[in-house]
Amino acid sequence: MTYEIATIPGDGIGPEVVDATQPLFERAAAAHGVEIEFVRYDWGSERYLTKGSMMPADGLDRLEGSDAILLGAVGHPEVPDHVTLHGLLLPIRKGFNQQVCERPAILFEGVESPLRGYESGAIDFVVFRENTEGEYSDIGGREHVGFDHEVAVQSAMFTRAGTETIVRAAFEAAQERAGHLTSITKSNAQAYSMVFWDDVVDDVASDYPNVEVESLLVDAASMDFIRRPEEFDVVVASNLFGDILTDVGAIVTGSMGLAPSGNVNVDGDYPSMFEPVHGSAPDITGKGIANPLATVLSGAMLFENLGEQAVSEALWTAVREVLASDEAPKTPDLGGSGTTTAVVEALETRL
């Protein structure tokens, strides 16, 4: 069997990290008898600037037959962020019902946290972020544009099916890990959506009696991600809260360049999509110093999703060994002077 993996390098450093890591994925897969075929789609902001859309009208139809999707980055300084997001990333997440966004945060050996006193391994948690509805639902509009009485309405939508899907995925992960789940809410102020969220968590919790459940308001959670990150194991949050908190999680574990993510269709009806969290980073685009490790770890999550655990573990191990080595190159975000290419070469030697 040959897996077809759609690649969308996208914008900024996206093409740099995808192009650099694709041969690494091919080598890791081949070493374990796994055949993969990459199909490249040059969609993104450059396409928008020339053709007026981030991807073609039949973009989802062309991606649907893939076994998985690897995305580089989305975002361009000349294109408003809401255009890039709603033109590519959100249509894929919603069109393929990728309800579960999984984002690990690990303080690796050899990486220094900006938080004082944390050694390698002291921080290791994963955030499960609801990915297709909530505060990012495309419900609302603007009226009387340009007048003093202009009004904007943005509505959040929480369905029982969508909320239970992400909550149950988080409980399953907590059951396999340390048995502790933290639900992030704001039910003191949002008496409908967040109280509903709390109710679903309580309902699902009855099926997982061995999982300890903690509930935190999002403002307290933001503080505690910095004050006591070592106490978190599995975190579950709505679309907006999960988006914000995972950036905090990436920073306290050393760098946005180490943060992978998976957008998962839990039923397997559509391909899941994997991407580094770091974004397009226009300030370093073209300099050859983008950290490829978040993309490599996203690829490891991709192979795990395909059921190819050996390939996934080989990539995780290579990343851990490079980070732990004093001799291996590190990119500037980790305090080194290494290039994207040099880091990938160091990974290849360890495969």
Protein backbone atom coordinates (compact mmCIF):
# COMPACT_ATOMS: atom_id res chain seq x y z
CA MET A 1 0.00 0.00 0.00
CA THR A 2 1.18 3.50 -0.86
CA TYR A 3 -0.07 6.43 1.21
CA GLU A 4 -0.89 9.58 -0.71
CA ILE A 5 0.03 12.65 1.31
CA ALA A 6 -1.13 16.01 0.04
CA THR A 7 1.33 18.80 0.80
CA ILE A 8 0.30 22.44 0.93
CA PRO A 9 3.53 24.35 1.64
CA GLY A 10 1.60 27.62 1.81
CA ASP A 11 3.19 30.91 2.80
CA GLY A 12 6.36 32.36 4.32
CA ILE A 13 8.60 29.72 5.84
CA GLY A 14 6.00 27.05 5.05
CA PRO A 15 7.61 26.02 1.74
CA GLU A 16 11.05 26.08 3.37
CA VAL A 17 10.19 23.65 6.16
CA VAL A 18 8.02 21.39 3.99
CA ASP A 19 10.60 21.14 1.19
CA ALA A 20 13.38 20.47 3.69
CA THR A 21 11.56 17.75 5.61
CA GLN A 22 9.82 15.89 2.78
CA PRO A 23 12.94 13.81 1.89
CA LEU A 24 13.34 13.04 5.60
CA PHE A 25 9.81 11.64 5.74
CA GLU A 26 10.45 9.57 2.63
CA ARG A 27 13.62 8.12 4.13
CA ALA A 28 12.02 7.36 7.50
CA ALA A 29 9.04 5.69 5.83
CA ALA A 30 11.20 3.61 3.47
CA ALA A 31 13.34 2.40 6.38
CA HIS A 32 10.22 0.79 7.84
CA GLY A 33 8.82 -0.57 4.60
CA VAL A 34 6.22 2.17 4.22
CA GLU A 35 5.59 3.69 0.80
CA ILE A 36 4.44 7.29 0.53
CA GLU A 37 3.71 9.59 -2.37
CA PHE A 38 3.58 13.35 -1.93
CA VAL A 39 1.20 15.37 -4.08
CA ARG A 40 1.99 19.08 -3.92
CA TYR A 41 -0.59 21.86 -4.07
CA ASP A 42 0.85 25.37 -4.37
CA TRP A 43 -2.08 27.13 -2.75
CA GLY A 44 -1.89 30.11 -0.47
CA SER A 45 -1.40 33.85 -0.43
CA GLU A 46 0.64 34.06 -3.62
CA ARG A 47 -2.25 32.41 -5.41
CA TYR A 48 -4.65 34.85 -3.78
CA LEU A 49 -2.61 37.82 -4.94
CA THR A 50 -2.60 36.59 -8.54
CA LYS A 51 -5.93 34.76 -8.85
CA GLY A 52 -8.09 36.15 -6.06
CA SER A 53 -8.50 32.95 -4.04
CA MET A 54 -6.31 30.97 -1.66
CA MET A 55 -7.25 27.68 -3.32
CA PRO A 56 -9.35 26.66 -6.33
CA ALA A 57 -13.09 26.11 -6.04
CA ASP A 58 -12.60 22.35 -6.26
CA GLY A 59 -9.78 22.34 -3.73
CA LEU A 60 -11.52 20.12 -1.18
CA ASP A 61 -12.53 17.66 -3.90
CA ARG A 62 -8.88 17.34 -4.95
CA LEU A 63 -7.70 16.81 -1.38
CA GLU A 64 -10.43 14.39 -0.33
CA GLY A 65 -8.80 11.30 -1.81
CA SER A 66 -5.57 11.85 0.12
CA ASP A 67 -4.67 9.71 3.12
CA ALA A 68 -3.39 12.76 5.00
CA ILE A 69 -2.48 16.41 4.49
CA LEU A 70 0.76 18.16 5.48
CA LEU A 71 0.44 21.94 5.68
CA GLY A 72 3.35 24.37 5.99
CA ALA A 73 1.96 27.74 7.04
CA VAL A 74 -0.70 30.31 6.16
CA GLY A 75 -0.27 34.08 6.36
CA HIS A 76 1.12 36.95 4.30
CA PRO A 77 1.91 40.57 5.27
CA GLU A 78 0.05 41.87 2.20
CA VAL A 79 -3.12 39.84 2.78
CA PRO A 80 -5.43 40.33 5.79
CA ASP A 81 -5.28 37.40 8.19
CA HIS A 82 -9.02 36.77 8.05
CA VAL A 83 -8.71 36.31 4.28
CA THR A 84 -5.91 33.77 4.51
CA LEU A 85 -7.55 31.88 7.37
CA HIS A 86 -11.03 31.73 5.88
CA GLY A 87 -9.65 31.07 2.40
CA LEU A 88 -7.66 27.93 3.14
CA LEU A 89 -7.19 26.65 6.67
CA LEU A 90 -10.73 26.89 8.04
CA PRO A 91 -12.43 25.48 4.91
CA ILE A 92 -10.21 22.39 5.16
CA ARG A 93 -10.79 21.93 8.88
CA LYS A 94 -14.54 22.36 8.57
CA GLY A 95 -15.01 20.74 5.17
CA PHE A 96 -13.27 17.57 6.34
CA ASN A 97 -14.87 17.66 9.81
CA GLN A 98 -11.50 17.81 11.55
CA GLN A 99 -13.12 18.35 14.93
CA VAL A 100 -10.13 17.47 17.09
CA CYS A 101 -7.03 19.65 17.15
CA GLU A 102 -4.29 17.95 19.15
CA ARG A 103 -1.28 20.02 20.22
CA PRO A 104 1.49 18.53 22.41
CA ALA A 105 3.73 20.76 24.54
CA ILE A 106 6.95 19.11 25.72
CA LEU A 107 10.09 20.56 27.30
CA PHE A 108 12.70 18.44 25.54
CA GLU A 109 16.14 17.62 26.87
CA GLY A 110 18.57 20.25 25.61
CA VAL A 111 15.94 22.98 25.39
CA GLU A 112 15.75 25.79 27.91
CA SER A 113 12.37 27.03 29.07
CA PRO A 114 12.02 30.79 29.64
CA LEU A 115 10.55 29.78 32.99
CA ARG A 116 13.12 29.54 35.77
CA GLY A 117 13.87 26.18 37.34
CA TYR A 118 12.33 23.78 34.83
CA GLU A 119 14.42 20.84 33.64
CA SER A 120 13.80 18.62 30.61
CA GLY A 121 10.68 16.52 30.90
CA ALA A 122 9.21 18.66 33.67
CA ILE A 123 6.61 20.06 31.27
CA ASP A 124 4.70 17.54 29.17
CA PHE A 125 1.05 18.10 28.38
CA VAL A 126 -1.27 18.00 25.39
CA VAL A 127 -4.11 20.36 24.53
CA PHE A 128 -7.22 19.11 22.80
CA ARG A 129 -8.80 22.08 21.07
CA GLU A 130 -12.26 22.00 19.53
CA ASN A 131 -11.57 22.77 15.91
CA THR A 132 -14.67 23.36 13.77
CA GLU A 133 -17.18 25.44 15.70
CA GLY A 134 -17.29 27.43 18.95
CA GLU A 135 -16.05 31.00 18.76
CA TYR A 136 -14.71 30.48 15.22
CA SER A 137 -18.09 29.64 13.76
CA ASP A 138 -18.74 31.73 10.66
CA ILE A 139 -22.01 33.12 12.01
CA GLY A 140 -22.64 36.86 12.00
CA GLY A 141 -22.10 39.87 9.81
CA ARG A 142 -21.75 43.62 9.55
CA GLU A 143 -24.48 46.13 8.82
CA HIS A 144 -24.52 49.90 8.11
CA VAL A 145 -20.87 49.73 7.12
CA GLY A 146 -19.24 53.15 7.02
CA PHE A 147 -21.88 54.89 9.12
CA ASP A 148 -21.71 55.93 12.76
CA HIS A 149 -24.26 53.30 13.64
CA GLU A 150 -22.28 50.46 12.02
CA VAL A 151 -22.73 47.18 13.87
CA ALA A 152 -20.84 43.87 13.84
CA VAL A 153 -22.28 40.59 15.14
CA GLN A 154 -20.18 37.47 15.71
CA SER A 155 -21.90 34.44 17.20
CA ALA A 156 -20.33 31.36 18.75
CA MET A 157 -21.96 27.99 18.13
CA PHE A 158 -21.55 24.94 20.36
CA THR A 159 -23.25 21.69 19.38
CA ARG A 160 -23.56 18.68 21.66
CA ALA A 161 -22.06 16.45 18.97
CA GLY A 162 -19.05 18.70 18.41
CA THR A 163 -18.41 19.39 22.08
CA GLU A 164 -18.76 15.76 23.09
CA THR A 165 -16.40 14.69 20.32
CA ILE A 166 -13.53 16.86 21.54
CA VAL A 167 -14.24 16.19 25.22
CA ARG A 168 -14.35 12.42 24.71
CA ALA A 169 -11.10 12.50 22.70
CA ALA A 170 -9.45 14.35 25.59
CA PHE A 171 -10.75 11.85 28.16
CA GLU A 172 -9.43 8.96 26.05
CA ALA A 173 -6.01 10.59 25.98
CA ALA A 174 -6.08 11.29 29.72
CA GLN A 175 -6.95 7.66 30.38
CA GLU A 176 -3.84 6.60 28.44
CA ARG A 177 -1.58 9.23 30.04
CA ALA A 178 -1.46 10.31 33.70
CA GLY A 179 -5.22 10.27 34.26
CA HIS A 180 -5.70 13.99 34.78
CA LEU A 181 -7.86 16.23 32.59
CA THR A 182 -8.28 20.00 32.84
CA SER A 183 -11.31 21.57 31.18
CA ILE A 184 -10.96 25.24 30.27
CA THR A 185 -14.08 27.34 30.47
CA LYS A 186 -15.47 30.81 31.16
CA SER A 187 -18.81 29.79 32.56
CA ASN A 188 -18.88 32.58 35.11
CA ALA A 189 -19.34 35.11 32.28
CA GLN A 190 -20.70 33.04 29.39
CA ALA A 191 -23.73 31.49 31.00
CA TYR A 192 -24.99 29.64 27.93
CA SER A 193 -22.12 28.30 25.83
CA MET A 194 -19.65 27.65 28.62
CA VAL A 195 -22.16 26.27 31.10
CA PHE A 196 -23.24 23.95 28.29
CA TRP A 197 -19.57 22.99 27.85
CA ASP A 198 -19.31 22.22 31.57
CA ASP A 199 -22.44 20.08 31.40
CA VAL A 200 -21.02 18.01 28.55
CA VAL A 201 -17.76 17.50 30.43
CA ASP A 202 -19.71 16.29 33.46
CA ASP A 203 -21.77 13.93 31.32
CA VAL A 204 -18.75 12.40 29.59
CA ALA A 205 -16.75 12.18 32.83
CA SER A 206 -19.12 9.51 34.13
CA ASP A 207 -17.74 7.14 31.47
CA TYR A 208 -14.16 7.68 32.71
CA PRO A 209 -14.21 7.21 36.50
CA ASN A 210 -10.43 6.81 36.68
CA VAL A 211 -9.75 10.26 35.20
CA GLU A 212 -9.43 13.15 37.64
CA VAL A 213 -11.17 16.26 36.29
CA GLU A 214 -10.22 19.85 37.03
CA SER A 215 -12.11 22.87 35.67
CA LEU A 216 -10.35 26.21 35.21
CA LEU A 217 -11.52 29.57 33.96
CA VAL A 218 -9.47 30.59 30.95
CA ASP A 219 -7.90 33.59 32.68
CA ALA A 220 -6.73 31.41 35.56
CA ALA A 221 -5.51 28.78 33.09
CA SER A 222 -3.45 31.39 31.22
CA MET A 223 -1.77 32.27 34.48
CA ASP A 224 -1.29 28.64 35.53
CA PHE A 225 0.28 27.63 32.21
CA ILE A 226 3.11 29.89 33.34
CA ARG A 227 2.89 29.45 37.11
CA ARG A 228 2.51 25.66 37.29
CA PRO A 229 2.81 24.09 33.79
CA GLU A 230 4.20 20.87 35.25
CA GLU A 231 0.82 20.06 36.80
CA PHE A 232 -1.04 19.80 33.48
CA ASP A 233 -1.50 16.51 31.64
CA VAL A 234 -4.42 16.70 29.20
CA VAL A 235 -6.20 19.99 28.60
CA VAL A 236 -9.46 20.38 26.68
CA ALA A 237 -10.69 23.74 25.47
CA SER A 238 -12.95 25.49 23.00
CA ASN A 239 -11.68 26.76 19.66
CA LEU A 240 -10.65 30.24 20.82
CA PHE A 241 -9.36 29.31 24.26
CA GLY A 242 -7.40 26.37 22.85
CA ASP A 243 -5.88 28.55 20.15
CA ILE A 244 -4.55 31.06 22.66
CA LEU A 245 -3.41 28.60 25.32
CA THR A 246 -1.45 26.42 22.90
CA ASP A 247 0.73 29.39 21.94
CA VAL A 248 1.47 29.88 25.64
CA GLY A 249 2.23 26.17 25.89
CA ALA A 250 4.66 26.37 22.98
CA ILE A 251 6.55 29.27 24.48
CA VAL A 252 6.95 27.82 27.98
CA THR A 253 8.43 24.68 26.40
CA GLY A 254 11.09 26.66 24.58
CA SER A 255 9.99 27.74 21.13
CA MET A 256 7.11 27.99 18.68
CA GLY A 257 9.48 26.12 16.37
CA LEU A 258 8.96 22.94 18.39
CA ALA A 259 5.15 22.91 18.42
CA PRO A 260 3.38 20.38 16.18
CA SER A 261 -0.34 19.91 15.72
CA GLY A 262 -2.87 17.59 14.16
CA ASN A 263 -6.33 18.44 12.86
CA VAL A 264 -8.05 15.08 13.12
CA ASN A 265 -11.17 13.66 11.54
CA VAL A 266 -12.00 11.11 14.22
CA ASP A 267 -14.20 8.89 12.04
CA GLY A 268 -11.67 8.50 9.23
CA ASP A 269 -14.19 9.64 6.64
CA TYR A 270 -11.87 12.41 5.44
CA PRO A 271 -8.12 13.03 5.58
CA SER A 272 -6.66 14.61 8.69
CA MET A 273 -4.26 17.54 8.39
CA PHE A 274 -0.99 18.12 10.24
CA GLU A 275 0.87 21.40 10.56
CA PRO A 276 3.47 23.21 12.66
CA VAL A 277 1.96 25.85 14.95
CA HIS A 278 4.58 28.53 14.22
CA GLY A 279 2.85 30.23 11.29
CA SER A 280 4.44 31.83 8.25
CA ALA A 281 7.07 33.94 10.13
CA PRO A 282 7.59 36.58 7.41
CA ASP A 283 10.42 38.16 9.42
CA ILE A 284 12.72 35.18 8.73
CA THR A 285 11.33 34.01 5.38
CA GLY A 286 14.10 33.30 2.89
CA LYS A 287 16.90 33.36 5.45
CA GLY A 288 17.21 29.58 5.69
CA ILE A 289 17.02 29.56 9.48
CA ALA A 290 13.44 28.37 10.07
CA ASN A 291 13.22 25.60 12.65
CA PRO A 292 12.05 22.42 10.84
CA LEU A 293 11.44 20.40 14.02
CA ALA A 294 7.78 21.37 14.47
CA THR A 295 7.14 20.15 10.93
CA VAL A 296 9.02 16.91 11.61
CA LEU A 297 6.97 16.31 14.75
CA SER A 298 3.79 17.12 12.84
CA GLY A 299 4.89 14.49 10.35
CA ALA A 300 5.39 12.05 13.23
CA MET A 301 1.80 12.73 14.30
CA LEU A 302 0.70 12.19 10.69
CA PHE A 303 2.32 8.75 10.52
CA GLU A 304 0.85 7.79 13.87
CA ASN A 305 -2.58 8.79 12.57
CA LEU A 306 -2.00 6.50 9.57
CA GLY A 307 -1.19 3.64 11.93
CA GLU A 308 2.52 3.63 11.09
CA GLN A 309 3.75 3.80 14.67
CA ALA A 310 7.33 2.72 13.91
CA VAL A 311 7.85 5.62 11.49
CA SER A 312 6.34 8.02 13.99
CA GLU A 313 8.57 6.82 16.82
CA ALA A 314 11.68 7.03 14.62
CA LEU A 315 10.96 10.70 13.90
CA TRP A 316 10.24 11.51 17.55
CA THR A 317 13.46 9.80 18.58
CA ALA A 318 15.55 11.63 15.99
CA VAL A 319 14.18 14.98 17.16
CA ARG A 320 14.86 14.16 20.81
CA GLU A 321 18.43 13.09 20.03
CA VAL A 322 19.21 16.20 18.01
CA LEU A 323 17.86 18.49 20.71
CA ALA A 324 19.74 16.65 23.45
CA SER A 325 23.06 16.74 21.59
CA ASP A 326 25.51 19.55 22.34
CA GLU A 327 27.13 19.01 18.94
CA ALA A 328 23.99 19.01 16.78
CA PRO A 329 23.03 22.32 15.12
CA LYS A 330 20.22 24.41 16.58
CA THR A 331 18.33 27.16 14.80
CA PRO A 332 18.36 30.73 16.21
CA ASP A 333 15.01 30.36 18.00
CA LEU A 334 16.77 27.78 20.21
CA GLY A 335 19.85 29.94 20.74
CA GLY A 336 21.97 28.43 17.98
CA SER A 337 23.21 29.53 14.56
CA GLY A 338 22.25 26.45 12.57
CA THR A 339 20.30 26.46 9.33
CA THR A 340 17.16 24.59 8.39
CA THR A 341 19.20 22.33 6.13
CA ALA A 342 21.82 21.59 8.80
CA VAL A 343 19.17 20.53 11.32
CA VAL A 344 17.52 18.22 8.80
CA GLU A 345 20.91 16.67 7.97
CA ALA A 346 21.47 16.05 11.68
CA LEU A 347 18.11 14.32 11.85
CA GLU A 348 18.94 12.17 8.82
CA THR A 349 22.12 10.85 10.44
CA ARG A 350 20.09 9.74 13.46
CA LEU A 351 17.52 7.88 11.37
